[in-house]
Amino acid sequence: MTQPHETRSLLTVVTEAAIETSLLRDLDKLGVSGYTVTDARGRGSRGVRDAAWNEAANIRIEVICNRAMAESIVEHLQAHYYANYAMVSFIRDVEVLRPEKF
């Protein structure tokens, strides 16, 4: 028996760990029902972020939601964070099992 699946959007945000609390509070206010936060390391336009000390640590936040919600979150991030923080975000379509969870 095949499980039902549906298309949702996966929003991924990689940014400075220092703003995690503010970002998660914003996601709650924007109506996000769930997210995953993990540590992240890498190199980009602002140099190497290796998490050797807290001020240099990055996080990766992932949200599975509908496309309209993902775009709304990105608009909020652009308006409130992009100018002052190392941040990149992207949206891609994903097939989810148990779509009632999202």
N, C-alpha and C. Protein backbone atom coordinates (compact mmCIF):
# COMPACT_ATOMS: atom_id res chain seq x y z
N MET A 1 0.85 -1.18 0.00
CA MET A 1 0.00 0.00 0.00
C MET A 1 0.89 1.24 0.00
N THR A 2 0.67 2.13 -0.93
CA THR A 2 1.47 3.34 -1.06
C THR A 2 0.95 4.41 -0.11
N GLN A 3 1.89 5.05 0.57
CA GLN A 3 1.53 6.15 1.46
C GLN A 3 1.16 7.37 0.63
N PRO A 4 0.18 8.16 1.09
CA PRO A 4 -0.13 9.40 0.37
C PRO A 4 1.04 10.38 0.50
N HIS A 5 1.26 11.13 -0.56
CA HIS A 5 2.30 12.15 -0.51
C HIS A 5 1.82 13.38 -1.25
N GLU A 6 2.35 14.49 -0.88
CA GLU A 6 1.99 15.77 -1.49
C GLU A 6 3.23 16.64 -1.60
N THR A 7 3.16 17.61 -2.48
CA THR A 7 4.26 18.54 -2.64
C THR A 7 4.13 19.69 -1.65
N ARG A 8 5.22 19.99 -0.98
CA ARG A 8 5.32 21.15 -0.10
C ARG A 8 6.60 21.88 -0.47
N SER A 9 6.85 23.00 0.17
CA SER A 9 8.10 23.73 -0.03
C SER A 9 8.99 23.53 1.18
N LEU A 10 10.28 23.36 0.91
CA LEU A 10 11.28 23.29 1.96
C LEU A 10 12.07 24.59 1.91
N LEU A 11 11.94 25.39 2.96
CA LEU A 11 12.71 26.62 3.10
C LEU A 11 13.91 26.31 3.97
N THR A 12 15.09 26.62 3.47
CA THR A 12 16.32 26.44 4.22
C THR A 12 16.97 27.79 4.42
N VAL A 13 17.36 28.09 5.65
CA VAL A 13 18.02 29.35 5.99
C VAL A 13 19.31 28.99 6.71
N VAL A 14 20.43 29.49 6.21
CA VAL A 14 21.71 29.32 6.88
C VAL A 14 22.14 30.70 7.33
N THR A 15 22.42 30.84 8.62
CA THR A 15 22.72 32.16 9.17
C THR A 15 23.53 32.05 10.45
N GLU A 16 23.79 33.18 11.04
CA GLU A 16 24.58 33.27 12.27
C GLU A 16 23.80 32.72 13.47
N ALA A 17 24.46 31.87 14.25
CA ALA A 17 23.82 31.29 15.43
C ALA A 17 23.42 32.36 16.44
N ALA A 18 24.09 33.49 16.43
CA ALA A 18 23.82 34.55 17.41
C ALA A 18 22.39 35.08 17.33
N ILE A 19 21.73 34.91 16.17
CA ILE A 19 20.37 35.43 16.04
C ILE A 19 19.30 34.33 16.08
N GLU A 20 19.68 33.15 16.51
CA GLU A 20 18.74 32.03 16.54
C GLU A 20 17.48 32.35 17.33
N THR A 21 17.60 32.85 18.53
CA THR A 21 16.43 33.12 19.36
C THR A 21 15.48 34.09 18.68
N SER A 22 16.00 35.16 18.11
CA SER A 22 15.16 36.14 17.41
C SER A 22 14.47 35.52 16.21
N LEU A 23 15.21 34.74 15.43
CA LEU A 23 14.62 34.11 14.25
C LEU A 23 13.50 33.14 14.61
N LEU A 24 13.73 32.33 15.62
CA LEU A 24 12.70 31.36 16.01
C LEU A 24 11.46 32.05 16.57
N ARG A 25 11.66 33.14 17.28
CA ARG A 25 10.52 33.92 17.76
C ARG A 25 9.74 34.48 16.57
N ASP A 26 10.46 34.99 15.56
CA ASP A 26 9.81 35.50 14.35
C ASP A 26 9.03 34.41 13.63
N LEU A 27 9.63 33.22 13.51
CA LEU A 27 8.93 32.12 12.84
C LEU A 27 7.63 31.78 13.56
N ASP A 28 7.67 31.77 14.88
CA ASP A 28 6.44 31.52 15.66
C ASP A 28 5.39 32.59 15.35
N LYS A 29 5.81 33.86 15.34
CA LYS A 29 4.87 34.96 15.06
C LYS A 29 4.31 34.89 13.64
N LEU A 30 5.11 34.35 12.71
CA LEU A 30 4.65 34.23 11.32
C LEU A 30 3.74 33.02 11.10
N GLY A 31 3.55 32.21 12.15
CA GLY A 31 2.63 31.08 12.06
C GLY A 31 3.25 29.75 11.67
N VAL A 32 4.57 29.64 11.73
CA VAL A 32 5.24 28.38 11.39
C VAL A 32 4.92 27.35 12.47
N SER A 33 4.48 26.17 12.04
CA SER A 33 4.08 25.16 13.01
C SER A 33 5.23 24.25 13.44
N GLY A 34 6.33 24.25 12.70
CA GLY A 34 7.47 23.42 13.07
C GLY A 34 8.69 23.76 12.24
N TYR A 35 9.85 23.42 12.78
CA TYR A 35 11.11 23.68 12.09
C TYR A 35 12.17 22.78 12.68
N THR A 36 13.28 22.67 11.98
CA THR A 36 14.45 21.93 12.46
C THR A 36 15.63 22.87 12.44
N VAL A 37 16.41 22.88 13.52
CA VAL A 37 17.61 23.71 13.61
C VAL A 37 18.80 22.79 13.83
N THR A 38 19.84 22.97 13.00
CA THR A 38 21.08 22.20 13.14
C THR A 38 22.27 23.14 13.06
N ASP A 39 23.40 22.71 13.59
CA ASP A 39 24.63 23.47 13.46
C ASP A 39 25.11 23.36 12.01
N ALA A 40 25.78 24.40 11.53
CA ALA A 40 26.27 24.41 10.16
C ALA A 40 27.67 25.03 10.12
N ARG A 41 28.48 24.55 9.21
CA ARG A 41 29.81 25.11 8.98
C ARG A 41 29.99 25.32 7.49
N GLY A 42 30.87 26.23 7.11
CA GLY A 42 31.13 26.43 5.70
C GLY A 42 31.87 27.71 5.42
N ARG A 43 31.92 28.07 4.14
CA ARG A 43 32.60 29.28 3.72
C ARG A 43 31.73 29.99 2.71
N GLY A 44 31.70 31.31 2.82
CA GLY A 44 30.90 32.11 1.90
C GLY A 44 31.50 33.49 1.75
N SER A 45 30.68 34.44 1.34
CA SER A 45 31.16 35.79 1.07
C SER A 45 31.70 36.48 2.32
N ARG A 46 31.31 36.02 3.49
CA ARG A 46 31.80 36.63 4.73
C ARG A 46 32.90 35.79 5.38
N GLY A 47 33.48 34.86 4.62
CA GLY A 47 34.61 34.07 5.12
C GLY A 47 34.19 32.72 5.64
N VAL A 48 35.14 32.07 6.32
CA VAL A 48 34.92 30.73 6.87
C VAL A 48 34.16 30.85 8.18
N ARG A 49 33.13 30.02 8.31
CA ARG A 49 32.34 29.95 9.54
C ARG A 49 32.50 28.53 10.06
N ASP A 50 33.42 28.34 11.02
CA ASP A 50 33.74 26.98 11.43
C ASP A 50 33.23 26.61 12.81
N ALA A 51 32.54 27.51 13.50
CA ALA A 51 31.96 27.25 14.81
C ALA A 51 33.02 27.00 15.88
N ALA A 52 34.27 27.40 15.63
CA ALA A 52 35.32 27.22 16.63
C ALA A 52 35.03 28.04 17.88
N TRP A 53 34.29 29.13 17.73
CA TRP A 53 33.84 29.92 18.87
C TRP A 53 32.43 30.40 18.55
N ASN A 54 31.63 30.60 19.56
CA ASN A 54 30.20 30.86 19.38
C ASN A 54 29.89 32.01 18.44
N GLU A 55 30.70 33.07 18.46
CA GLU A 55 30.43 34.22 17.61
C GLU A 55 30.59 33.90 16.13
N ALA A 56 31.29 32.80 15.81
CA ALA A 56 31.50 32.42 14.41
C ALA A 56 30.62 31.24 13.99
N ALA A 57 29.74 30.79 14.88
CA ALA A 57 28.92 29.62 14.58
C ALA A 57 27.76 29.97 13.65
N ASN A 58 27.40 29.02 12.83
CA ASN A 58 26.24 29.13 11.95
C ASN A 58 25.21 28.08 12.32
N ILE A 59 23.97 28.34 11.95
CA ILE A 59 22.90 27.37 12.09
C ILE A 59 22.19 27.22 10.74
N ARG A 60 21.50 26.11 10.61
CA ARG A 60 20.68 25.84 9.43
C ARG A 60 19.27 25.59 9.95
N ILE A 61 18.33 26.39 9.49
CA ILE A 61 16.93 26.24 9.89
C ILE A 61 16.16 25.73 8.68
N GLU A 62 15.39 24.67 8.86
CA GLU A 62 14.59 24.12 7.78
C GLU A 62 13.12 24.12 8.18
N VAL A 63 12.29 24.58 7.27
CA VAL A 63 10.85 24.65 7.48
C VAL A 63 10.17 24.01 6.28
N ILE A 64 9.28 23.07 6.51
CA ILE A 64 8.45 22.51 5.44
C ILE A 64 7.07 23.12 5.60
N CYS A 65 6.59 23.75 4.53
CA CYS A 65 5.32 24.47 4.58
C CYS A 65 4.80 24.65 3.15
N ASN A 66 3.71 25.38 3.01
CA ASN A 66 3.24 25.67 1.65
C ASN A 66 4.08 26.80 1.06
N ARG A 67 4.01 26.96 -0.25
CA ARG A 67 4.86 27.94 -0.95
C ARG A 67 4.61 29.37 -0.48
N ALA A 68 3.35 29.72 -0.26
CA ALA A 68 3.02 31.08 0.17
C ALA A 68 3.68 31.40 1.51
N MET A 69 3.66 30.46 2.44
CA MET A 69 4.29 30.67 3.74
C MET A 69 5.80 30.82 3.58
N ALA A 70 6.41 29.97 2.77
CA ALA A 70 7.86 30.05 2.56
C ALA A 70 8.25 31.41 1.99
N GLU A 71 7.51 31.88 1.02
CA GLU A 71 7.81 33.18 0.42
C GLU A 71 7.59 34.32 1.41
N SER A 72 6.58 34.21 2.25
CA SER A 72 6.33 35.22 3.28
C SER A 72 7.48 35.28 4.28
N ILE A 73 8.01 34.12 4.66
CA ILE A 73 9.13 34.08 5.59
C ILE A 73 10.36 34.74 4.95
N VAL A 74 10.63 34.42 3.69
CA VAL A 74 11.78 35.01 3.01
C VAL A 74 11.65 36.53 2.92
N GLU A 75 10.46 37.02 2.63
CA GLU A 75 10.24 38.47 2.59
C GLU A 75 10.56 39.10 3.94
N HIS A 76 10.14 38.44 5.01
CA HIS A 76 10.43 38.94 6.36
C HIS A 76 11.94 38.94 6.63
N LEU A 77 12.62 37.87 6.26
CA LEU A 77 14.06 37.80 6.46
C LEU A 77 14.78 38.90 5.69
N GLN A 78 14.37 39.11 4.45
CA GLN A 78 14.98 40.16 3.63
C GLN A 78 14.80 41.53 4.27
N ALA A 79 13.63 41.79 4.80
CA ALA A 79 13.32 43.10 5.38
C ALA A 79 14.02 43.33 6.72
N HIS A 80 14.24 42.26 7.50
CA HIS A 80 14.72 42.44 8.86
C HIS A 80 16.15 41.95 9.14
N TYR A 81 16.71 41.11 8.28
CA TYR A 81 18.00 40.50 8.62
C TYR A 81 19.07 40.59 7.53
N TYR A 82 18.70 40.54 6.26
CA TYR A 82 19.69 40.42 5.19
C TYR A 82 20.77 41.49 5.24
N ALA A 83 20.42 42.71 5.53
CA ALA A 83 21.39 43.82 5.47
C ALA A 83 22.46 43.73 6.56
N ASN A 84 22.15 43.10 7.68
CA ASN A 84 23.06 43.14 8.83
C ASN A 84 23.66 41.81 9.25
N TYR A 85 23.23 40.71 8.65
CA TYR A 85 23.71 39.41 9.09
C TYR A 85 24.09 38.54 7.89
N ALA A 86 25.04 37.64 8.12
CA ALA A 86 25.36 36.64 7.11
C ALA A 86 24.17 35.68 7.05
N MET A 87 23.50 35.64 5.91
CA MET A 87 22.30 34.82 5.79
C MET A 87 22.07 34.47 4.33
N VAL A 88 21.74 33.23 4.09
CA VAL A 88 21.33 32.79 2.77
C VAL A 88 20.09 31.92 2.96
N SER A 89 19.16 32.02 2.04
CA SER A 89 17.96 31.20 2.12
C SER A 89 17.60 30.70 0.73
N PHE A 90 16.96 29.55 0.70
CA PHE A 90 16.50 29.01 -0.58
C PHE A 90 15.28 28.14 -0.35
N ILE A 91 14.47 28.05 -1.40
CA ILE A 91 13.22 27.28 -1.36
C ILE A 91 13.28 26.24 -2.46
N ARG A 92 12.86 25.05 -2.15
CA ARG A 92 12.74 24.01 -3.17
C ARG A 92 11.50 23.17 -2.88
N ASP A 93 10.96 22.58 -3.91
CA ASP A 93 9.81 21.71 -3.76
C ASP A 93 10.27 20.34 -3.27
N VAL A 94 9.50 19.76 -2.35
CA VAL A 94 9.77 18.42 -1.84
C VAL A 94 8.47 17.63 -1.79
N GLU A 95 8.58 16.33 -1.92
CA GLU A 95 7.45 15.43 -1.75
C GLU A 95 7.47 14.94 -0.31
N VAL A 96 6.38 15.13 0.40
CA VAL A 96 6.33 14.70 1.79
C VAL A 96 5.35 13.56 1.97
N LEU A 97 5.75 12.61 2.81
CA LEU A 97 4.84 11.57 3.27
C LEU A 97 4.18 12.10 4.53
N ARG A 98 3.04 11.60 4.84
CA ARG A 98 2.29 12.10 5.99
C ARG A 98 2.02 13.60 5.86
N PRO A 99 1.43 14.04 4.77
CA PRO A 99 1.22 15.46 4.54
C PRO A 99 0.39 16.16 5.61
N GLU A 100 -0.37 15.42 6.37
CA GLU A 100 -1.17 16.02 7.43
C GLU A 100 -0.29 16.62 8.53
N LYS A 101 0.99 16.25 8.58
CA LYS A 101 1.93 16.79 9.57
C LYS A 101 2.38 18.21 9.22
N PHE A 102 2.13 18.63 7.99
CA PHE A 102 2.61 19.94 7.53
C PHE A 102 1.45 20.83 7.17
